[in-house]
Protein backbone atom coordinates (compact mmCIF):
# COMPACT_ATOMS: atom_id res chain seq x y z
CA MET A 1 104.35 65.32 136.60
CA GLU A 2 102.83 68.45 134.84
CA ASN A 3 101.12 66.08 132.39
CA GLU A 4 99.87 64.12 135.04
CA LYS A 5 97.40 66.84 135.75
CA GLU A 6 96.66 67.51 133.08
CA LEU A 7 95.79 63.87 132.01
CA GLU A 8 93.65 64.07 135.73
CA ASN A 9 91.95 67.19 134.63
CA GLN A 10 90.99 65.90 131.18
CA ASP A 11 87.85 63.94 133.27
CA PHE A 12 86.14 67.38 133.77
CA MET A 13 87.18 69.09 130.11
CA HIS A 14 85.65 68.52 126.81
CA ALA A 15 85.67 69.82 123.37
CA HIS A 16 82.95 71.65 122.46
CA ASN A 17 82.74 70.47 119.06
CA ASP A 18 79.39 72.27 117.39
CA THR A 19 81.30 75.81 118.56
CA VAL A 20 84.57 74.49 117.53
CA GLU A 21 83.04 73.59 114.06
CA LYS A 22 81.37 76.79 113.84
CA VAL A 23 84.20 79.30 114.58
CA LYS A 24 86.45 77.23 112.06
CA ASN A 25 84.28 77.45 109.48
CA ASN A 26 83.76 81.34 110.07
CA MET A 27 87.84 82.12 110.44
CA PRO A 28 89.07 83.90 107.38
CA GLU A 29 91.71 82.30 105.35
CA GLU A 30 95.12 82.57 106.84
CA GLU A 31 96.37 85.01 104.00
CA LEU A 32 93.63 87.11 105.04
CA LEU A 33 94.38 87.36 108.80
CA TYR A 34 98.14 87.58 107.95
CA ASP A 35 97.65 91.06 105.87
CA LEU A 36 95.47 92.32 108.74
CA ALA A 37 98.36 92.02 111.38
CA GLU A 38 100.32 93.50 108.59
CA LEU A 39 97.34 96.46 108.57
CA TYR A 40 97.76 97.00 112.22
CA LYS A 41 101.72 97.04 112.29
CA VAL A 42 101.47 100.64 110.21
CA PHE A 43 99.62 101.74 113.06
CA GLY A 44 102.20 100.93 115.45
CA ASP A 45 104.45 103.89 114.69
CA THR A 46 104.04 107.39 116.58
CA THR A 47 105.09 109.36 113.52
CA ARG A 48 103.01 107.12 111.38
CA ILE A 49 99.83 107.99 113.76
CA LYS A 50 101.17 111.70 113.78
CA ILE A 51 100.76 111.46 110.10
CA LEU A 52 97.68 110.25 110.21
CA TYR A 53 95.96 112.45 112.29
CA VAL A 54 97.40 115.47 110.41
CA LEU A 55 95.35 113.61 107.11
CA PHE A 56 92.82 113.51 109.23
CA GLU A 57 92.25 117.35 109.38
CA SER A 58 93.84 118.13 106.09
CA GLU A 59 95.25 116.95 102.80
CA MET A 60 98.87 118.34 103.09
CA CYS A 61 102.14 118.40 101.08
CA VAL A 62 105.61 116.63 102.48
CA PHE A 63 106.52 120.24 103.39
CA ASP A 64 103.74 121.31 105.34
CA ILE A 65 103.40 117.89 107.24
CA ALA A 66 107.45 117.99 107.94
CA GLN A 67 107.04 121.79 109.31
CA LEU A 68 103.75 120.99 111.61
CA LEU A 69 105.82 117.84 112.71
CA ASN A 70 109.10 119.37 113.27
CA MET A 71 110.97 116.81 110.93
CA SER A 72 112.79 116.24 108.01
CA MET A 73 110.93 115.94 104.73
CA SER A 74 112.95 112.75 103.84
CA ALA A 75 111.44 111.05 107.22
CA ILE A 76 107.99 112.24 106.60
CA SER A 77 108.77 110.86 102.59
CA HIS A 78 109.80 107.99 103.82
CA GLN A 79 106.63 107.16 106.33
CA LEU A 80 104.10 108.34 104.01
CA ARG A 81 105.87 105.90 101.64
CA VAL A 82 104.94 103.00 104.04
CA LEU A 83 101.21 104.49 104.42
CA LYS A 84 100.56 104.66 100.62
CA THR A 85 102.19 100.90 100.53
CA SER A 86 99.48 100.10 102.63
CA SER A 87 96.73 102.15 100.96
CA LEU A 88 95.85 104.16 103.93
CA VAL A 89 96.99 107.48 102.00
CA LYS A 90 96.80 108.73 98.76
CA TYR A 91 97.89 111.49 96.51
CA ARG A 92 97.44 114.16 93.84
CA ARG A 93 99.98 116.25 92.19
CA ASP A 94 99.21 119.81 91.33
CA GLY A 95 101.59 121.20 89.07
CA LYS A 96 105.12 120.05 91.32
CA THR A 97 103.67 119.54 94.62
CA VAL A 98 102.17 116.15 95.79
CA PHE A 99 99.49 116.48 97.92
CA TYR A 100 98.30 113.69 100.46
CA SER A 101 95.09 112.71 102.29
CA LEU A 102 93.41 109.32 103.85
CA ALA A 103 92.58 107.02 101.28
CA ASP A 104 89.22 106.76 102.28
CA ASP A 105 86.85 106.98 104.84
CA HIS A 106 87.97 103.56 106.54
CA VAL A 107 91.12 105.04 107.65
CA ARG A 108 89.12 107.54 109.71
CA THR A 109 86.82 105.15 110.91
CA ILE A 110 89.99 102.85 112.20
CA ILE A 111 91.83 106.13 113.86
CA GLY A 112 88.42 106.97 115.30
CA MET A 113 87.58 103.54 116.72
CA GLY A 114 91.38 103.27 118.20
CA MET A 115 91.04 106.96 120.13
CA GLU A 116 87.18 106.21 121.60
CA HIS A 117 88.88 102.62 122.36
CA ILE A 118 91.45 104.09 124.60
CA GLU A 119 89.86 107.19 125.88
CA GLU A 120 87.00 105.02 127.65
């Protein structure tokens, strides 16, 4: 029954081949789209967002981030590892202390644009 309705409606529907072809030619490779989706998954965790916001303000060590967010150092370290693997944060050593910061201005832009969007 439903297929019959679809067939009836096909008389009014037609492909816009020029538009479809243009979009198809501009689509990124499947692997790039997968990587983009994986990147956005990283932003799907509140703790990671909090850490990024902390680093938005200042370079910090694990101990200070843990204290600021009232979390364990191991929990912060785990999330920093995820952020580092996704190239969202970088680190530098100063003696025995490791300081973390945002990887680049792209991360700042992504966070800023996200906040602008939800505050509209």
